[in-house]
Amino acid sequence: MAQNFYAEEVAAEKAKANKNTYEWIQSLVSALIVCVVVFLLFVRVIDVKGSSMLPTLVNGDKMIVSNLFYKPKAGDVIVLKKDEYDPNKALVKRIIATEGQEINIDFDNGKVYINNMEIEEDYINDLTLTKLNFIGPKTVPEGCVFVMGDNRNASTDSRKTEIGMVDERLILGKVHAVIFPTSHLGVVRTDGLHYTDRTISQG
């Protein structure tokens, strides 16, 4: 009798353990499915094409881009589409100014000013000397951003009429990291813009 009771107890414990294992696996699978769905809906892997974002991004880099809960802010590196420029091409640029901000550029000295204050740009490849079609100052309209590539003199961006101010709805997402090649692996710096105490009137 005692032997039968012990066997039943062991069987019950085994069944409970199997049930817990099944529930754990079920939870894990559900979590993986949710992750896959979120990744497919809100996360993209996009290749960098060209040199307009040197030195931050290099031609051929594979970037993780997401628009999940995204609100554009100055300093962010983003991917956007602008049909007026090229309906088949995604562009990667850095947000320099957001709605309501005034942007001006001193092309003689290569300096960029937001609301008449010079910004520090230690992420750029060279000073902003190429004008394209830009005539400032310009105020960024509501719901738009002004973008430029970090490789300022080899970038087609908001200085060019065909791109101009970018509607936030055209932003595919923020660039969070480079995942390939492994030599470039890392988080993409987007820690906001910093200002100096110099104004454009002071040169």
Protein backbone atom coordinates (compact mmCIF):
# COMPACT_ATOMS: atom_id res chain seq x y z
CA MET A 1 0.00 0.00 0.00
CA ALA A 2 2.77 2.43 1.04
CA GLN A 3 4.70 1.54 -2.08
CA ASN A 4 1.70 2.35 -4.28
CA PHE A 5 1.19 5.67 -2.45
CA TYR A 6 4.87 6.55 -2.99
CA ALA A 7 4.63 5.68 -6.68
CA GLU A 8 1.54 7.84 -7.07
CA GLU A 9 3.29 10.73 -5.29
CA VAL A 10 6.32 10.42 -7.56
CA ALA A 11 4.06 10.33 -10.62
CA ALA A 12 2.19 13.41 -9.41
CA GLU A 13 5.44 15.32 -8.85
CA LYS A 14 6.68 14.29 -12.28
CA ALA A 15 3.44 15.42 -13.90
CA LYS A 16 3.66 18.75 -12.06
CA ALA A 17 7.26 19.20 -13.21
CA ASN A 18 6.29 18.39 -16.80
CA LYS A 19 3.41 20.88 -16.59
CA ASN A 20 5.72 23.61 -15.27
CA THR A 21 8.24 22.88 -18.01
CA TYR A 22 5.47 23.01 -20.65
CA GLU A 23 4.16 26.32 -19.26
CA TRP A 24 7.70 27.74 -19.21
CA ILE A 25 8.30 26.70 -22.83
CA GLN A 26 4.89 28.09 -23.81
CA SER A 27 5.72 31.45 -22.18
CA LEU A 28 9.12 31.50 -23.88
CA VAL A 29 7.61 30.77 -27.29
CA SER A 30 4.95 33.47 -26.76
CA ALA A 31 7.61 35.99 -25.79
CA LEU A 32 9.66 35.10 -28.88
CA ILE A 33 6.59 35.48 -31.11
CA VAL A 34 5.90 38.93 -29.61
CA CYS A 35 9.55 39.92 -30.14
CA VAL A 36 9.43 38.76 -33.76
CA VAL A 37 6.19 40.65 -34.42
CA VAL A 38 7.57 43.84 -32.81
CA PHE A 39 10.79 43.48 -34.80
CA LEU A 40 8.92 42.99 -38.07
CA LEU A 41 6.56 45.91 -37.44
CA PHE A 42 8.82 48.47 -35.78
CA VAL A 43 12.45 47.49 -36.41
CA ARG A 44 14.35 47.39 -39.69
CA VAL A 45 17.86 46.50 -40.75
CA ILE A 46 18.97 49.05 -43.36
CA ASP A 47 22.25 49.32 -45.25
CA VAL A 48 24.17 52.57 -45.46
CA LYS A 49 24.77 53.55 -49.08
CA GLY A 50 27.25 56.30 -49.77
CA SER A 51 29.56 58.47 -47.69
CA SER A 52 27.29 61.34 -46.59
CA MET A 53 27.36 60.28 -42.93
CA LEU A 54 31.11 59.84 -42.51
CA PRO A 55 32.66 59.48 -39.99
CA THR A 56 29.59 58.30 -38.02
CA LEU A 57 28.44 55.74 -40.58
CA VAL A 58 30.36 54.08 -43.38
CA ASN A 59 29.17 52.76 -46.73
CA GLY A 60 27.98 49.17 -46.23
CA ASP A 61 27.19 49.48 -42.50
CA LYS A 62 24.06 47.60 -41.47
CA MET A 63 21.96 49.69 -39.08
CA ILE A 64 19.19 48.85 -36.64
CA VAL A 65 16.41 51.38 -37.26
CA SER A 66 13.21 51.68 -35.22
CA ASN A 67 10.22 54.03 -35.11
CA LEU A 68 8.71 52.52 -31.94
CA PHE A 69 7.49 55.39 -29.69
CA TYR A 70 9.77 57.70 -31.63
CA LYS A 71 9.64 61.49 -31.27
CA PRO A 72 12.27 63.33 -33.36
CA LYS A 73 14.82 65.44 -31.52
CA ALA A 74 17.91 67.39 -32.53
CA GLY A 75 21.00 65.21 -32.73
CA ASP A 76 19.18 62.02 -33.71
CA VAL A 77 20.43 60.07 -36.72
CA ILE A 78 17.41 59.03 -38.76
CA VAL A 79 16.39 57.29 -41.98
CA LEU A 80 13.85 59.10 -44.16
CA LYS A 81 12.19 58.97 -47.58
CA LYS A 82 11.61 62.08 -49.67
CA ASP A 83 9.85 61.30 -52.95
CA GLU A 84 10.59 64.74 -54.39
CA TYR A 85 14.28 63.81 -54.25
CA ASP A 86 14.16 60.07 -55.02
CA PRO A 87 11.11 57.85 -54.37
CA ASN A 88 13.26 54.72 -54.45
CA LYS A 89 15.96 55.85 -52.06
CA ALA A 90 16.12 56.01 -48.26
CA LEU A 91 18.37 58.71 -46.83
CA VAL A 92 20.25 58.61 -43.54
CA LYS A 93 20.91 62.02 -41.97
CA ARG A 94 21.20 63.78 -38.62
CA ILE A 95 18.46 66.05 -37.30
CA ILE A 96 19.90 69.51 -36.76
CA ALA A 97 16.75 71.49 -35.96
CA THR A 98 13.16 70.67 -35.04
CA GLU A 99 9.87 72.53 -35.38
CA GLY A 100 9.93 76.16 -34.31
CA GLN A 101 13.72 76.41 -34.27
CA GLU A 102 15.54 78.87 -36.51
CA ILE A 103 18.58 77.60 -38.39
CA ASN A 104 21.28 79.64 -40.05
CA ILE A 105 24.66 78.67 -41.51
CA ASP A 106 27.79 80.77 -41.83
CA PHE A 107 29.34 79.13 -44.89
CA ASP A 108 32.44 81.34 -44.76
CA ASN A 109 33.43 79.86 -41.40
CA GLY A 110 31.53 76.58 -41.68
CA LYS A 111 29.46 77.16 -38.53
CA VAL A 112 25.84 76.20 -37.88
CA TYR A 113 23.53 78.25 -35.66
CA ILE A 114 20.25 77.29 -34.01
CA ASN A 115 18.20 80.18 -32.63
CA ASN A 116 21.27 82.37 -33.19
CA MET A 117 23.51 80.14 -31.04
CA GLU A 118 26.41 78.21 -32.55
CA ILE A 119 26.24 74.46 -32.05
CA GLU A 120 29.23 72.25 -31.28
CA GLU A 121 29.58 69.54 -33.90
CA ASP A 122 32.33 67.13 -32.96
CA TYR A 123 30.61 64.39 -34.98
CA ILE A 124 31.10 65.99 -38.42
CA ASN A 125 33.71 65.06 -40.99
CA ASP A 126 34.42 68.66 -41.96
CA LEU A 127 33.03 72.18 -41.56
CA THR A 128 29.83 73.16 -43.37
CA LEU A 129 31.20 75.03 -46.38
CA THR A 130 28.87 73.78 -49.13
CA LYS A 131 25.77 75.93 -49.52
CA LEU A 132 23.72 73.93 -52.02
CA ASN A 133 20.44 75.93 -52.25
CA PHE A 134 20.30 77.08 -48.64
CA ILE A 135 19.52 80.71 -47.87
CA GLY A 136 19.06 81.47 -44.19
CA PRO A 137 17.90 82.04 -41.66
CA LYS A 138 15.00 79.59 -41.92
CA THR A 139 12.45 78.58 -39.30
CA VAL A 140 11.50 74.90 -39.22
CA PRO A 141 7.73 74.52 -39.77
CA GLU A 142 5.47 72.61 -37.38
CA GLY A 143 5.80 68.85 -37.75
CA CYS A 144 9.07 69.09 -39.69
CA VAL A 145 12.82 68.72 -39.12
CA PHE A 146 15.95 70.09 -40.79
CA VAL A 147 18.57 67.42 -41.49
CA MET A 148 22.17 67.28 -42.68
CA GLY A 149 24.74 64.56 -43.25
CA ASP A 150 27.81 64.46 -40.99
CA ASN A 151 30.02 64.55 -44.09
CA ARG A 152 28.81 68.08 -44.76
CA ASN A 153 30.50 68.79 -48.08
CA ALA A 154 29.49 65.46 -49.61
CA SER A 155 25.88 65.29 -48.45
CA THR A 156 22.57 66.03 -50.16
CA ASP A 157 20.24 67.14 -47.38
CA SER A 158 17.91 69.90 -46.18
CA ARG A 159 20.19 72.51 -47.72
CA LYS A 160 18.97 71.26 -51.10
CA THR A 161 15.53 72.41 -52.32
CA GLU A 162 14.39 68.88 -53.32
CA ILE A 163 14.79 67.75 -49.71
CA GLY A 164 14.33 70.93 -47.70
CA MET A 165 12.33 70.67 -44.48
CA VAL A 166 11.39 67.04 -43.85
CA ASP A 167 7.91 66.17 -42.66
CA GLU A 168 8.19 63.97 -39.55
CA ARG A 169 5.79 61.50 -41.18
CA LEU A 170 8.49 60.73 -43.76
CA ILE A 171 10.89 59.50 -41.07
CA LEU A 172 11.23 55.71 -41.20
CA GLY A 173 12.92 55.58 -37.82
CA LYS A 174 15.87 56.42 -35.62
CA VAL A 175 19.23 54.71 -36.13
CA HIS A 176 20.14 52.96 -32.88
CA ALA A 177 23.17 50.84 -33.70
CA VAL A 178 25.42 49.32 -36.31
CA ILE A 179 25.38 45.51 -36.25
CA PHE A 180 27.66 44.76 -39.19
CA PRO A 181 30.53 44.68 -39.98
CA THR A 182 31.69 43.68 -36.53
CA SER A 183 34.53 46.19 -36.72
CA HIS A 184 31.88 48.95 -36.69
CA LEU A 185 29.62 47.25 -34.14
CA GLY A 186 28.19 49.69 -31.64
CA VAL A 187 25.53 52.20 -30.63
CA VAL A 188 25.18 55.25 -32.88
CA ARG A 189 25.78 58.42 -30.92
CA THR A 190 22.65 60.60 -30.69
CA ASP A 191 23.09 62.47 -27.41
CA GLY A 192 21.57 65.75 -28.54
CA LEU A 193 23.19 68.95 -29.70
CA HIS A 194 25.37 71.19 -27.55
CA TYR A 195 25.62 74.94 -27.86
CA THR A 196 28.51 77.36 -27.48
CA ASP A 197 28.12 80.91 -26.15
CA ARG A 198 28.85 82.33 -29.59
CA THR A 199 26.14 83.90 -31.71
CA ILE A 200 26.18 84.43 -35.45
CA SER A 201 26.45 88.18 -34.96
CA GLN A 202 29.81 87.61 -33.23
CA GLY A 203 31.12 85.54 -36.18
